[in-house]
Amino acid sequence: MAFAFLARWYGIEHITLLSPLGRDECVCLLQQAVQSDRAWFGKRKAAVGRVNATSLRIRKTVGWRDSTSWQPRLSGSIKEVRAGTRFDCRLGVTWGTVASLHAILLLVW
């Protein structure tokens, strides 16, 4: 119960997305749209992260001088269902960011 309250307070949302496309097609389209975290050269895409057959972790691409620690991330699982594909996702900052914020606030207080 307290965990759900903290998650809502920090803007962490749980989202379920349904697609009529098959899992393999969804994964292929996502992999084409998402650049690898470790890609240093080449044309930059709008999103960075990883996508495989069962899970995804994506964040928006930012410039090299911008901080990525405070930006929201989308992570979740990919499952094949009868009607297509279901994405069970979590959208929000990482728990490490939340813990860092608490530590900073405690030090200041």
PDB file of N, CA and C in Angstrom:
ATOM      1  N   MET A   1       0.818  -1.187   0.000  1.00  0.00           N
ATOM      2  CA  MET A   1       0.000   0.000   0.000  1.00  0.00           C
ATOM      3  C   MET A   1       0.870   1.264   0.000  1.00  0.00           C
ATOM      4  N   ALA A   2       1.874   1.311   0.880  1.00  0.00           N
ATOM      5  CA  ALA A   2       2.763   2.471   0.929  1.00  0.00           C
ATOM      6  C   ALA A   2       3.583   2.564  -0.349  1.00  0.00           C
ATOM      7  N   PHE A   3       3.974   1.423  -0.893  1.00  0.00           N
ATOM      8  CA  PHE A   3       4.739   1.416  -2.140  1.00  0.00           C
ATOM      9  C   PHE A   3       3.930   2.038  -3.272  1.00  0.00           C
ATOM     10  N   ALA A   4       2.652   1.706  -3.360  1.00  0.00           N
ATOM     11  CA  ALA A   4       1.790   2.270  -4.409  1.00  0.00           C
ATOM     12  C   ALA A   4       1.656   3.774  -4.243  1.00  0.00           C
ATOM     13  N   PHE A   5       1.557   4.248  -2.996  1.00  0.00           N
ATOM     14  CA  PHE A   5       1.466   5.686  -2.750  1.00  0.00           C
ATOM     15  C   PHE A   5       2.738   6.387  -3.209  1.00  0.00           C
ATOM     16  N   LEU A   6       3.915   5.837  -2.852  1.00  0.00           N
ATOM     17  CA  LEU A   6       5.180   6.441  -3.267  1.00  0.00           C
ATOM     18  C   LEU A   6       5.334   6.427  -4.785  1.00  0.00           C
ATOM     19  N   ALA A   7       4.921   5.341  -5.402  1.00  0.00           N
ATOM     20  CA  ALA A   7       5.015   5.250  -6.860  1.00  0.00           C
ATOM     21  C   ALA A   7       4.178   6.341  -7.519  1.00  0.00           C
ATOM     22  N   ARG A   8       2.958   6.551  -7.042  1.00  0.00           N
ATOM     23  CA  ARG A   8       2.107   7.605  -7.598  1.00  0.00           C
ATOM     24  C   ARG A   8       2.697   8.981  -7.301  1.00  0.00           C
ATOM     25  N   TRP A   9       3.264   9.163  -6.110  1.00  0.00           N
ATOM     26  CA  TRP A   9       3.820  10.453  -5.723  1.00  0.00           C
ATOM     27  C   TRP A   9       4.997  10.836  -6.609  1.00  0.00           C
ATOM     28  N   TYR A  10       5.801   9.845  -7.003  1.00  0.00           N
ATOM     29  CA  TYR A  10       6.938  10.102  -7.877  1.00  0.00           C
ATOM     30  C   TYR A  10       6.566  10.048  -9.362  1.00  0.00           C
ATOM     31  N   GLY A  11       5.320   9.876  -9.670  1.00  0.00           N
ATOM     32  CA  GLY A  11       4.887   9.874 -11.057  1.00  0.00           C
ATOM     33  C   GLY A  11       5.163   8.578 -11.788  1.00  0.00           C
ATOM     34  N   ILE A  12       5.312   7.482 -11.068  1.00  0.00           N
ATOM     35  CA  ILE A  12       5.555   6.193 -11.699  1.00  0.00           C
ATOM     36  C   ILE A  12       4.214   5.566 -12.035  1.00  0.00           C
ATOM     37  N   GLU A  13       4.032   5.243 -13.281  1.00  0.00           N
ATOM     38  CA  GLU A  13       2.765   4.687 -13.750  1.00  0.00           C
ATOM     39  C   GLU A  13       2.970   3.276 -14.285  1.00  0.00           C
ATOM     40  N   HIS A  14       1.985   2.449 -14.090  1.00  0.00           N
ATOM     41  CA  HIS A  14       1.969   1.117 -14.698  1.00  0.00           C
ATOM     42  C   HIS A  14       0.944   1.152 -15.825  1.00  0.00           C
ATOM     43  N   ILE A  15       1.389   0.750 -17.005  1.00  0.00           N
ATOM     44  CA  ILE A  15       0.583   0.876 -18.211  1.00  0.00           C
ATOM     45  C   ILE A  15       0.526  -0.480 -18.907  1.00  0.00           C
ATOM     46  N   THR A  16      -0.638  -0.823 -19.438  1.00  0.00           N
ATOM     47  CA  THR A  16      -0.777  -2.008 -20.276  1.00  0.00           C
ATOM     48  C   THR A  16      -1.201  -1.550 -21.665  1.00  0.00           C
ATOM     49  N   LEU A  17      -0.415  -1.932 -22.661  1.00  0.00           N
ATOM     50  CA  LEU A  17      -0.703  -1.593 -24.052  1.00  0.00           C
ATOM     51  C   LEU A  17      -1.005  -2.874 -24.816  1.00  0.00           C
ATOM     52  N   LEU A  18      -2.005  -2.818 -25.680  1.00  0.00           N
ATOM     53  CA  LEU A  18      -2.358  -3.958 -26.525  1.00  0.00           C
ATOM     54  C   LEU A  18      -2.177  -3.584 -27.985  1.00  0.00           C
ATOM     55  N   SER A  19      -1.556  -4.467 -28.741  1.00  0.00           N
ATOM     56  CA  SER A  19      -1.358  -4.258 -30.168  1.00  0.00           C
ATOM     57  C   SER A  19      -1.969  -5.420 -30.940  1.00  0.00           C
ATOM     58  N   PRO A  20      -2.632  -5.133 -32.066  1.00  0.00           N
ATOM     59  CA  PRO A  20      -3.169  -6.231 -32.872  1.00  0.00           C
ATOM     60  C   PRO A  20      -2.084  -6.978 -33.651  1.00  0.00           C
ATOM     61  N   LEU A  21      -0.871  -6.430 -33.688  1.00  0.00           N
ATOM     62  CA  LEU A  21       0.236  -7.074 -34.406  1.00  0.00           C
ATOM     63  C   LEU A  21       0.805  -8.218 -33.587  1.00  0.00           C
ATOM     64  N   GLY A  22       1.425  -9.155 -34.255  1.00  0.00           N
ATOM     65  CA  GLY A  22       2.087 -10.271 -33.578  1.00  0.00           C
ATOM     66  C   GLY A  22       3.321  -9.809 -32.824  1.00  0.00           C
ATOM     67  N   ARG A  23       3.774 -10.618 -31.871  1.00  0.00           N
ATOM     68  CA  ARG A  23       4.918 -10.236 -31.049  1.00  0.00           C
ATOM     69  C   ARG A  23       6.176 -10.033 -31.880  1.00  0.00           C
ATOM     70  N   ASP A  24       6.443 -10.932 -32.805  1.00  0.00           N
ATOM     71  CA  ASP A  24       7.655 -10.810 -33.622  1.00  0.00           C
ATOM     72  C   ASP A  24       7.663  -9.521 -34.433  1.00  0.00           C
ATOM     73  N   GLU A  25       6.506  -9.152 -34.977  1.00  0.00           N
ATOM     74  CA  GLU A  25       6.417  -7.920 -35.764  1.00  0.00           C
ATOM     75  C   GLU A  25       6.592  -6.687 -34.869  1.00  0.00           C
ATOM     76  N   CYS A  26       5.996  -6.713 -33.679  1.00  0.00           N
ATOM     77  CA  CYS A  26       6.154  -5.601 -32.725  1.00  0.00           C
ATOM     78  C   CYS A  26       7.609  -5.432 -32.324  1.00  0.00           C
ATOM     79  N   VAL A  27       8.261  -6.538 -32.006  1.00  0.00           N
ATOM     80  CA  VAL A  27       9.667  -6.487 -31.592  1.00  0.00           C
ATOM     81  C   VAL A  27      10.528  -5.953 -32.727  1.00  0.00           C
ATOM     82  N   CYS A  28      10.284  -6.394 -33.938  1.00  0.00           N
ATOM     83  CA  CYS A  28      11.051  -5.941 -35.098  1.00  0.00           C
ATOM     84  C   CYS A  28      10.888  -4.431 -35.308  1.00  0.00           C
ATOM     85  N   LEU A  29       9.661  -3.942 -35.244  1.00  0.00           N
ATOM     86  CA  LEU A  29       9.410  -2.510 -35.421  1.00  0.00           C
ATOM     87  C   LEU A  29      10.051  -1.683 -34.312  1.00  0.00           C
ATOM     88  N   LEU A  30       9.967  -2.160 -33.080  1.00  0.00           N
ATOM     89  CA  LEU A  30      10.593  -1.443 -31.972  1.00  0.00           C
ATOM     90  C   LEU A  30      12.115  -1.429 -32.097  1.00  0.00           C
ATOM     91  N   GLN A  31      12.705  -2.552 -32.482  1.00  0.00           N
ATOM     92  CA  GLN A  31      14.155  -2.612 -32.633  1.00  0.00           C
ATOM     93  C   GLN A  31      14.642  -1.659 -33.720  1.00  0.00           C
ATOM     94  N   GLN A  32      13.846  -1.475 -34.758  1.00  0.00           N
ATOM     95  CA  GLN A  32      14.211  -0.532 -35.814  1.00  0.00           C
ATOM     96  C   GLN A  32      14.135   0.915 -35.331  1.00  0.00           C
ATOM     97  N   ALA A  33      13.247   1.201 -34.375  1.00  0.00           N
ATOM     98  CA  ALA A  33      13.038   2.568 -33.899  1.00  0.00           C
ATOM     99  C   ALA A  33      13.929   2.943 -32.713  1.00  0.00           C
ATOM    100  N   VAL A  34      14.512   1.950 -32.037  1.00  0.00           N
ATOM    101  CA  VAL A  34      15.288   2.203 -30.828  1.00  0.00           C
ATOM    102  C   VAL A  34      16.764   1.943 -31.100  1.00  0.00           C
ATOM    103  N   GLN A  35      17.590   2.922 -30.733  1.00  0.00           N
ATOM    104  CA  GLN A  35      19.037   2.796 -30.887  1.00  0.00           C
ATOM    105  C   GLN A  35      19.621   2.125 -29.651  1.00  0.00           C
ATOM    106  N   SER A  36      20.645   1.330 -29.835  1.00  0.00           N
ATOM    107  CA  SER A  36      21.289   0.640 -28.719  1.00  0.00           C
ATOM    108  C   SER A  36      21.936   1.642 -27.765  1.00  0.00           C
ATOM    109  N   ASP A  37      21.967   1.305 -26.483  1.00  0.00           N
ATOM    110  CA  ASP A  37      22.633   2.146 -25.483  1.00  0.00           C
ATOM    111  C   ASP A  37      24.113   2.314 -25.790  1.00  0.00           C
ATOM    112  N   ARG A  38      24.689   1.331 -26.417  1.00  0.00           N
ATOM    113  CA  ARG A  38      26.126   1.320 -26.638  1.00  0.00           C
ATOM    114  C   ARG A  38      26.549   1.843 -28.010  1.00  0.00           C
ATOM    115  N   ALA A  39      25.611   2.367 -28.790  1.00  0.00           N
ATOM    116  CA  ALA A  39      25.943   2.898 -30.111  1.00  0.00           C
ATOM    117  C   ALA A  39      26.479   4.323 -29.963  1.00  0.00           C
ATOM    118  N   TRP A  40      27.736   4.513 -30.311  1.00  0.00           N
ATOM    119  CA  TRP A  40      28.363   5.828 -30.165  1.00  0.00           C
ATOM    120  C   TRP A  40      28.371   6.600 -31.468  1.00  0.00           C
ATOM    121  N   PHE A  41      28.296   5.906 -32.592  1.00  0.00           N
ATOM    122  CA  PHE A  41      28.385   6.559 -33.885  1.00  0.00           C
ATOM    123  C   PHE A  41      27.161   6.212 -34.722  1.00  0.00           C
ATOM    124  N   GLY A  42      26.973   6.957 -35.777  1.00  0.00           N
ATOM    125  CA  GLY A  42      25.850   6.706 -36.667  1.00  0.00           C
ATOM    126  C   GLY A  42      24.722   7.691 -36.415  1.00  0.00           C
ATOM    127  N   LYS A  43      23.683   7.548 -37.188  1.00  0.00           N
ATOM    128  CA  LYS A  43      22.533   8.437 -37.073  1.00  0.00           C
ATOM    129  C   LYS A  43      21.793   8.177 -35.763  1.00  0.00           C
ATOM    130  N   ARG A  44      21.505   9.243 -35.043  1.00  0.00           N
ATOM    131  CA  ARG A  44      20.811   9.118 -33.757  1.00  0.00           C
ATOM    132  C   ARG A  44      19.317   8.948 -33.979  1.00  0.00           C
ATOM    133  N   LYS A  45      18.728   8.083 -33.193  1.00  0.00           N
ATOM    134  CA  LYS A  45      17.289   7.850 -33.255  1.00  0.00           C
ATOM    135  C   LYS A  45      16.622   8.565 -32.082  1.00  0.00           C
ATOM    136  N   ALA A  46      15.307   8.648 -32.105  1.00  0.00           N
ATOM    137  CA  ALA A  46      14.571   9.382 -31.068  1.00  0.00           C
ATOM    138  C   ALA A  46      14.601   8.681 -29.716  1.00  0.00           C
ATOM    139  N   ALA A  47      14.823   7.362 -29.715  1.00  0.00           N
ATOM    140  CA  ALA A  47      14.818   6.603 -28.463  1.00  0.00           C
ATOM    141  C   ALA A  47      16.076   5.749 -28.361  1.00  0.00           C
ATOM    142  N   VAL A  48      16.515   5.534 -27.111  1.00  0.00           N
ATOM    143  CA  VAL A  48      17.698   4.725 -26.823  1.00  0.00           C
ATOM    144  C   VAL A  48      17.289   3.644 -25.837  1.00  0.00           C
ATOM    145  N   GLY A  49      17.865   2.470 -25.973  1.00  0.00           N
ATOM    146  CA  GLY A  49      17.567   1.404 -25.026  1.00  0.00           C
ATOM    147  C   GLY A  49      17.793   0.041 -25.624  1.00  0.00           C
ATOM    148  N   ARG A  50      16.996  -0.914 -25.161  1.00  0.00           N
ATOM    149  CA  ARG A  50      17.107  -2.275 -25.687  1.00  0.00           C
ATOM    150  C   ARG A  50      15.720  -2.881 -25.788  1.00  0.00           C
ATOM    151  N   VAL A  51      15.569  -3.688 -26.813  1.00  0.00           N
ATOM    152  CA  VAL A  51      14.312  -4.413 -27.044  1.00  0.00           C
ATOM    153  C   VAL A  51      14.683  -5.831 -27.443  1.00  0.00           C
ATOM    154  N   ASN A  52      14.126  -6.823 -26.727  1.00  0.00           N
ATOM    155  CA  ASN A  52      14.295  -8.208 -27.149  1.00  0.00           C
ATOM    156  C   ASN A  52      12.925  -8.874 -27.196  1.00  0.00           C
ATOM    157  N   ALA A  53      12.883 -10.152 -27.395  1.00  0.00           N
ATOM    158  CA  ALA A  53      11.613 -10.849 -27.614  1.00  0.00           C
ATOM    159  C   ALA A  53      10.692 -10.839 -26.403  1.00  0.00           C
ATOM    160  N   THR A  54      11.226 -10.633 -25.201  1.00  0.00           N
ATOM    161  CA  THR A  54      10.387 -10.714 -24.003  1.00  0.00           C
ATOM    162  C   THR A  54      10.340  -9.438 -23.173  1.00  0.00           C
ATOM    163  N   SER A  55      11.232  -8.477 -23.430  1.00  0.00           N
ATOM    164  CA  SER A  55      11.240  -7.270 -22.596  1.00  0.00           C
ATOM    165  C   SER A  55      11.753  -6.067 -23.374  1.00  0.00           C
ATOM    166  N   LEU A  56      11.546  -4.894 -22.773  1.00  0.00           N
ATOM    167  CA  LEU A  56      12.038  -3.661 -23.368  1.00  0.00           C
ATOM    168  C   LEU A  56      12.426  -2.680 -22.277  1.00  0.00           C
ATOM    169  N   ARG A  57      13.362  -1.804 -22.593  1.00  0.00           N
ATOM    170  CA  ARG A  57      13.776  -0.715 -21.715  1.00  0.00           C
ATOM    171  C   ARG A  57      14.162   0.444 -22.628  1.00  0.00           C
ATOM    172  N   ILE A  58      13.384   1.522 -22.588  1.00  0.00           N
ATOM    173  CA  ILE A  58      13.542   2.613 -23.543  1.00  0.00           C
ATOM    174  C   ILE A  58      13.525   3.948 -22.811  1.00  0.00           C
ATOM    175  N   ARG A  59      14.348   4.886 -23.302  1.00  0.00           N
ATOM    176  CA  ARG A  59      14.293   6.271 -22.849  1.00  0.00           C
ATOM    177  C   ARG A  59      14.517   7.178 -24.046  1.00  0.00           C
ATOM    178  N   LYS A  60      14.156   8.428 -23.897  1.00  0.00           N
ATOM    179  CA  LYS A  60      14.316   9.393 -24.976  1.00  0.00           C
ATOM    180  C   LYS A  60      15.789   9.726 -25.152  1.00  0.00           C
ATOM    181  N   THR A  61      16.205   9.956 -26.387  1.00  0.00           N
ATOM    182  CA  THR A  61      17.573  10.369 -26.676  1.00  0.00           C
ATOM    183  C   THR A  61      17.739  11.826 -26.266  1.00  0.00           C
ATOM    184  N   VAL A  62      18.805  12.109 -25.513  1.00  0.00           N
ATOM    185  CA  VAL A  62      19.114  13.486 -25.125  1.00  0.00           C
ATOM    186  C   VAL A  62      20.529  13.819 -25.569  1.00  0.00           C
ATOM    187  N   GLY A  63      20.839  15.117 -25.607  1.00  0.00           N
ATOM    188  CA  GLY A  63      22.169  15.556 -26.004  1.00  0.00           C
ATOM    189  C   GLY A  63      23.224  15.122 -25.007  1.00  0.00           C
ATOM    190  N   TRP A  64      24.473  15.165 -25.415  1.00  0.00           N
ATOM    191  CA  TRP A  64      25.554  14.656 -24.574  1.00  0.00           C
ATOM    192  C   TRP A  64      25.762  15.495 -23.325  1.00  0.00           C
ATOM    193  N   ARG A  65      25.285  16.740 -23.292  1.00  0.00           N
ATOM    194  CA  ARG A  65      25.465  17.587 -22.109  1.00  0.00           C
ATOM    195  C   ARG A  65      24.281  17.502 -21.155  1.00  0.00           C
ATOM    196  N   ASP A  66      23.208  16.879 -21.580  1.00  0.00           N
ATOM    197  CA  ASP A  66      22.026  16.769 -20.738  1.00  0.00           C
ATOM    198  C   ASP A  66      22.120  15.546 -19.837  1.00  0.00           C
ATOM    199  N   SER A  67      21.525  15.651 -18.658  1.00  0.00           N
ATOM    200  CA  SER A  67      21.531  14.537 -17.725  1.00  0.00           C
ATOM    201  C   SER A  67      20.406  13.569 -18.060  1.00  0.00           C
ATOM    202  N   THR A  68      20.694  12.284 -18.010  1.00  0.00           N
ATOM    203  CA  THR A  68      19.659  11.281 -18.270  1.00  0.00           C
ATOM    204  C   THR A  68      19.108  10.688 -16.982  1.00  0.00           C
ATOM    205  N   SER A  69      19.678  11.045 -15.833  1.00  0.00           N
ATOM    206  CA  SER A  69      19.259  10.396 -14.597  1.00  0.00           C
ATOM    207  C   SER A  69      17.849  10.792 -14.170  1.00  0.00           C
ATOM    208  N   TRP A  70      17.397  11.990 -14.520  1.00  0.00           N
ATOM    209  CA  TRP A  70      16.077  12.443 -14.093  1.00  0.00           C
ATOM    210  C   TRP A  70      14.999  12.179 -15.126  1.00  0.00           C
ATOM    211  N   GLN A  71      15.357  11.701 -16.286  1.00  0.00           N
ATOM    212  CA  GLN A  71      14.340  11.511 -17.311  1.00  0.00           C
ATOM    213  C   GLN A  71      13.597  10.192 -17.122  1.00  0.00           C
ATOM    214  N   PRO A  72      12.308  10.188 -17.455  1.00  0.00           N
ATOM    215  CA  PRO A  72      11.517   8.956 -17.317  1.00  0.00           C
ATOM    216  C   PRO A  72      11.989   7.872 -18.285  1.00  0.00           C
ATOM    217  N   ARG A  73      11.787   6.647 -17.866  1.00  0.00           N
ATOM    218  CA  ARG A  73      12.117   5.485 -18.695  1.00  0.00           C
ATOM    219  C   ARG A  73      10.896   4.590 -18.786  1.00  0.00           C
ATOM    220  N   LEU A  74      10.796   3.902 -19.898  1.00  0.00           N
ATOM    221  CA  LEU A  74       9.734   2.925 -20.104  1.00  0.00           C
ATOM    222  C   LEU A  74      10.380   1.544 -20.077  1.00  0.00           C
ATOM    223  N   SER A  75       9.938   0.698 -19.180  1.00  0.00           N
ATOM    224  CA  SER A  75      10.460  -0.666 -19.124  1.00  0.00           C
ATOM    225  C   SER A  75       9.284  -1.613 -18.933  1.00  0.00           C
ATOM    226  N   GLY A  76       9.433  -2.816 -19.451  1.00  0.00           N
ATOM    227  CA  GLY A  76       8.328  -3.746 -19.295  1.00  0.00           C
ATOM    228  C   GLY A  76       8.546  -5.057 -20.016  1.00  0.00           C
ATOM    229  N   SER A  77       7.476  -5.840 -20.029  1.00  0.00           N
ATOM    230  CA  SER A  77       7.535  -7.159 -20.647  1.00  0.00           C
ATOM    231  C   SER A  77       6.654  -7.182 -21.892  1.00  0.00           C
ATOM    232  N   ILE A  78       7.000  -8.078 -22.797  1.00  0.00           N
ATOM    233  CA  ILE A  78       6.265  -8.253 -24.048  1.00  0.00           C
ATOM    234  C   ILE A  78       5.726  -9.671 -24.047  1.00  0.00           C
ATOM    235  N   LYS A  79       4.410  -9.804 -24.198  1.00  0.00           N
ATOM    236  CA  LYS A  79       3.791 -11.130 -24.175  1.00  0.00           C
ATOM    237  C   LYS A  79       2.844 -11.298 -25.351  1.00  0.00           C
ATOM    238  N   GLU A  80       2.892 -12.487 -25.929  1.00  0.00           N
ATOM    239  CA  GLU A  80       1.971 -12.832 -27.013  1.00  0.00           C
ATOM    240  C   GLU A  80       0.625 -13.222 -26.400  1.00  0.00           C
ATOM    241  N   VAL A  81      -0.445 -12.620 -26.889  1.00  0.00           N
ATOM    242  CA  VAL A  81      -1.797 -12.972 -26.456  1.00  0.00           C
ATOM    243  C   VAL A  81      -2.604 -13.323 -27.699  1.00  0.00           C
ATOM    244  N   ARG A  82      -3.791 -13.857 -27.478  1.00  0.00           N
ATOM    245  CA  ARG A  82      -4.610 -14.316 -28.601  1.00  0.00           C
ATOM    246  C   ARG A  82      -4.917 -13.185 -29.590  1.00  0.00           C
ATOM    247  N   ALA A  83      -5.161 -11.974 -29.072  1.00  0.00           N
ATOM    248  CA  ALA A  83      -5.532 -10.849 -29.927  1.00  0.00           C
ATOM    249  C   ALA A  83      -4.329 -10.114 -30.510  1.00  0.00           C
ATOM    250  N   GLY A  84      -3.103 -10.494 -30.177  1.00  0.00           N
ATOM    251  CA  GLY A  84      -1.914  -9.817 -30.688  1.00  0.00           C
ATOM    252  C   GLY A  84      -0.787  -9.844 -29.681  1.00  0.00           C
ATOM    253  N   THR A  85      -0.397  -8.663 -29.206  1.00  0.00           N
ATOM    254  CA  THR A  85       0.715  -8.538 -28.274  1.00  0.00           C
ATOM    255  C   THR A  85       0.323  -7.619 -27.125  1.00  0.00           C
ATOM    256  N   ARG A  86       0.727  -7.996 -25.905  1.00  0.00           N
ATOM    257  CA  ARG A  86       0.458  -7.167 -24.731  1.00  0.00           C
ATOM    258  C   ARG A  86       1.788  -6.695 -24.150  1.00  0.00           C
ATOM    259  N   PHE A  87       1.857  -5.395 -23.882  1.00  0.00           N
ATOM    260  CA  PHE A  87       3.010  -4.778 -23.244  1.00  0.00           C
ATOM    261  C   PHE A  87       2.591  -4.375 -21.830  1.00  0.00           C
ATOM    262  N   ASP A  88       3.206  -4.963 -20.817  1.00  0.00           N
ATOM    263  CA  ASP A  88       2.993  -4.567 -19.428  1.00  0.00           C
ATOM    264  C   ASP A  88       4.188  -3.703 -19.041  1.00  0.00           C
ATOM    265  N   CYS A  89       3.955  -2.395 -18.881  1.00  0.00           N
ATOM    266  CA  CYS A  89       5.054  -1.446 -18.756  1.00  0.00           C
ATOM    267  C   CYS A  89       4.992  -0.631 -17.473  1.00  0.00           C
ATOM    268  N   ARG A  90       6.153  -0.118 -17.112  1.00  0.00           N
ATOM    269  CA  ARG A  90       6.315   0.822 -16.007  1.00  0.00           C
ATOM    270  C   ARG A  90       6.963   2.063 -16.587  1.00  0.00           C
ATOM    271  N   LEU A  91       6.366   3.228 -16.329  1.00  0.00           N
ATOM    272  CA  LEU A  91       6.878   4.489 -16.844  1.00  0.00           C
ATOM    273  C   LEU A  91       7.217   5.393 -15.672  1.00  0.00           C
ATOM    274  N   GLY A  92       8.447   5.858 -15.598  1.00  0.00           N
ATOM    275  CA  GLY A  92       8.862   6.756 -14.530  1.00  0.00           C
ATOM    276  C   GLY A  92      10.370   6.759 -14.362  1.00  0.00           C
ATOM    277  N   VAL A  93      10.834   7.532 -13.388  1.00  0.00           N
ATOM    278  CA  VAL A  93      12.269   7.574 -13.107  1.00  0.00           C
ATOM    279  C   VAL A  93      12.682   6.263 -12.436  1.00  0.00           C
ATOM    280  N   THR A  94      13.968   5.985 -12.429  1.00  0.00           N
ATOM    281  CA  THR A  94      14.452   4.752 -11.809  1.00  0.00           C
ATOM    282  C   THR A  94      14.413   4.883 -10.290  1.00  0.00           C
ATOM    283  N   TRP A  95      14.388   3.746  -9.602  1.00  0.00           N
ATOM    284  CA  TRP A  95      14.371   3.774  -8.140  1.00  0.00           C
ATOM    285  C   TRP A  95      15.688   4.296  -7.592  1.00  0.00           C
ATOM    286  N   GLY A  96      16.761   4.154  -8.331  1.00  0.00           N
ATOM    287  CA  GLY A  96      18.032   4.741  -7.907  1.00  0.00           C
ATOM    288  C   GLY A  96      17.958   6.257  -7.858  1.00  0.00           C
ATOM    289  N   THR A  97      17.263   6.854  -8.814  1.00  0.00           N
ATOM    290  CA  THR A  97      17.057   8.297  -8.822  1.00  0.00           C
ATOM    291  C   THR A  97      16.219   8.726  -7.622  1.00  0.00           C
ATOM    292  N   VAL A  98      15.188   7.959  -7.320  1.00  0.00           N
ATOM    293  CA  VAL A  98      14.330   8.254  -6.172  1.00  0.00           C
ATOM    294  C   VAL A  98      15.137   8.186  -4.880  1.00  0.00           C
ATOM    295  N   ALA A  99      15.971   7.152  -4.743  1.00  0.00           N
ATOM    296  CA  ALA A  99      16.795   7.013  -3.540  1.00  0.00           C
ATOM    297  C   ALA A  99      17.799   8.159  -3.432  1.00  0.00           C
ATOM    298  N   SER A 100      18.381   8.577  -4.545  1.00  0.00           N
ATOM    299  CA  SER A 100      19.319   9.701  -4.539  1.00  0.00           C
ATOM    300  C   SER A 100      18.630  10.979  -4.097  1.00  0.00           C
ATOM    301  N   LEU A 101      17.428  11.205  -4.574  1.00  0.00           N
ATOM    302  CA  LEU A 101      16.668  12.392  -4.187  1.00  0.00           C
ATOM    303  C   LEU A 101      16.408  12.395  -2.684  1.00  0.00           C
ATOM    304  N   HIS A 102      16.034  11.250  -2.135  1.00  0.00           N
ATOM    305  CA  HIS A 102      15.807  11.148  -0.693  1.00  0.00           C
ATOM    306  C   HIS A 102      17.090  11.431   0.092  1.00  0.00           C
ATOM    307  N   ALA A 103      18.200  10.891  -0.365  1.00  0.00           N
ATOM    308  CA  ALA A 103      19.472  11.111   0.329  1.00  0.00           C
ATOM    309  C   ALA A 103      19.848  12.591   0.319  1.00  0.00           C
ATOM    310  N   ILE A 104      19.669  13.251  -0.807  1.00  0.00           N
ATOM    311  CA  ILE A 104      19.983  14.679  -0.911  1.00  0.00           C
ATOM    312  C   ILE A 104      19.081  15.491   0.010  1.00  0.00           C
ATOM    313  N   LEU A 105      17.801  15.166   0.016  1.00  0.00           N
ATOM    314  CA  LEU A 105      16.862  15.889   0.886  1.00  0.00           C
ATOM    315  C   LEU A 105      17.188  15.687   2.359  1.00  0.00           C
ATOM    316  N   LEU A 106      17.591  14.471   2.751  1.00  0.00           N
ATOM    317  CA  LEU A 106      17.952  14.221   4.132  1.00  0.00           C
ATOM    318  C   LEU A 106      19.218  14.976   4.538  1.00  0.00           C
ATOM    319  N   LEU A 107      20.185  15.060   3.635  1.00  0.00           N
ATOM    320  CA  LEU A 107      21.406  15.793   3.926  1.00  0.00           C
ATOM    321  C   LEU A 107      21.131  17.287   4.081  1.00  0.00           C
ATOM    322  N   VAL A 108      20.274  17.828   3.243  1.00  0.00           N
ATOM    323  CA  VAL A 108      19.945  19.255   3.303  1.00  0.00           C
ATOM    324  C   VAL A 108      19.115  19.564   4.534  1.00  0.00           C
ATOM    325  N   TRP A 109      18.239  18.681   4.882  1.00  0.00           N
ATOM    326  CA  TRP A 109      17.335  18.910   6.000  1.00  0.00           C
ATOM    327  C   TRP A 109      18.089  18.805   7.279  1.00  0.00           C
TER     328      TRP A 109
END
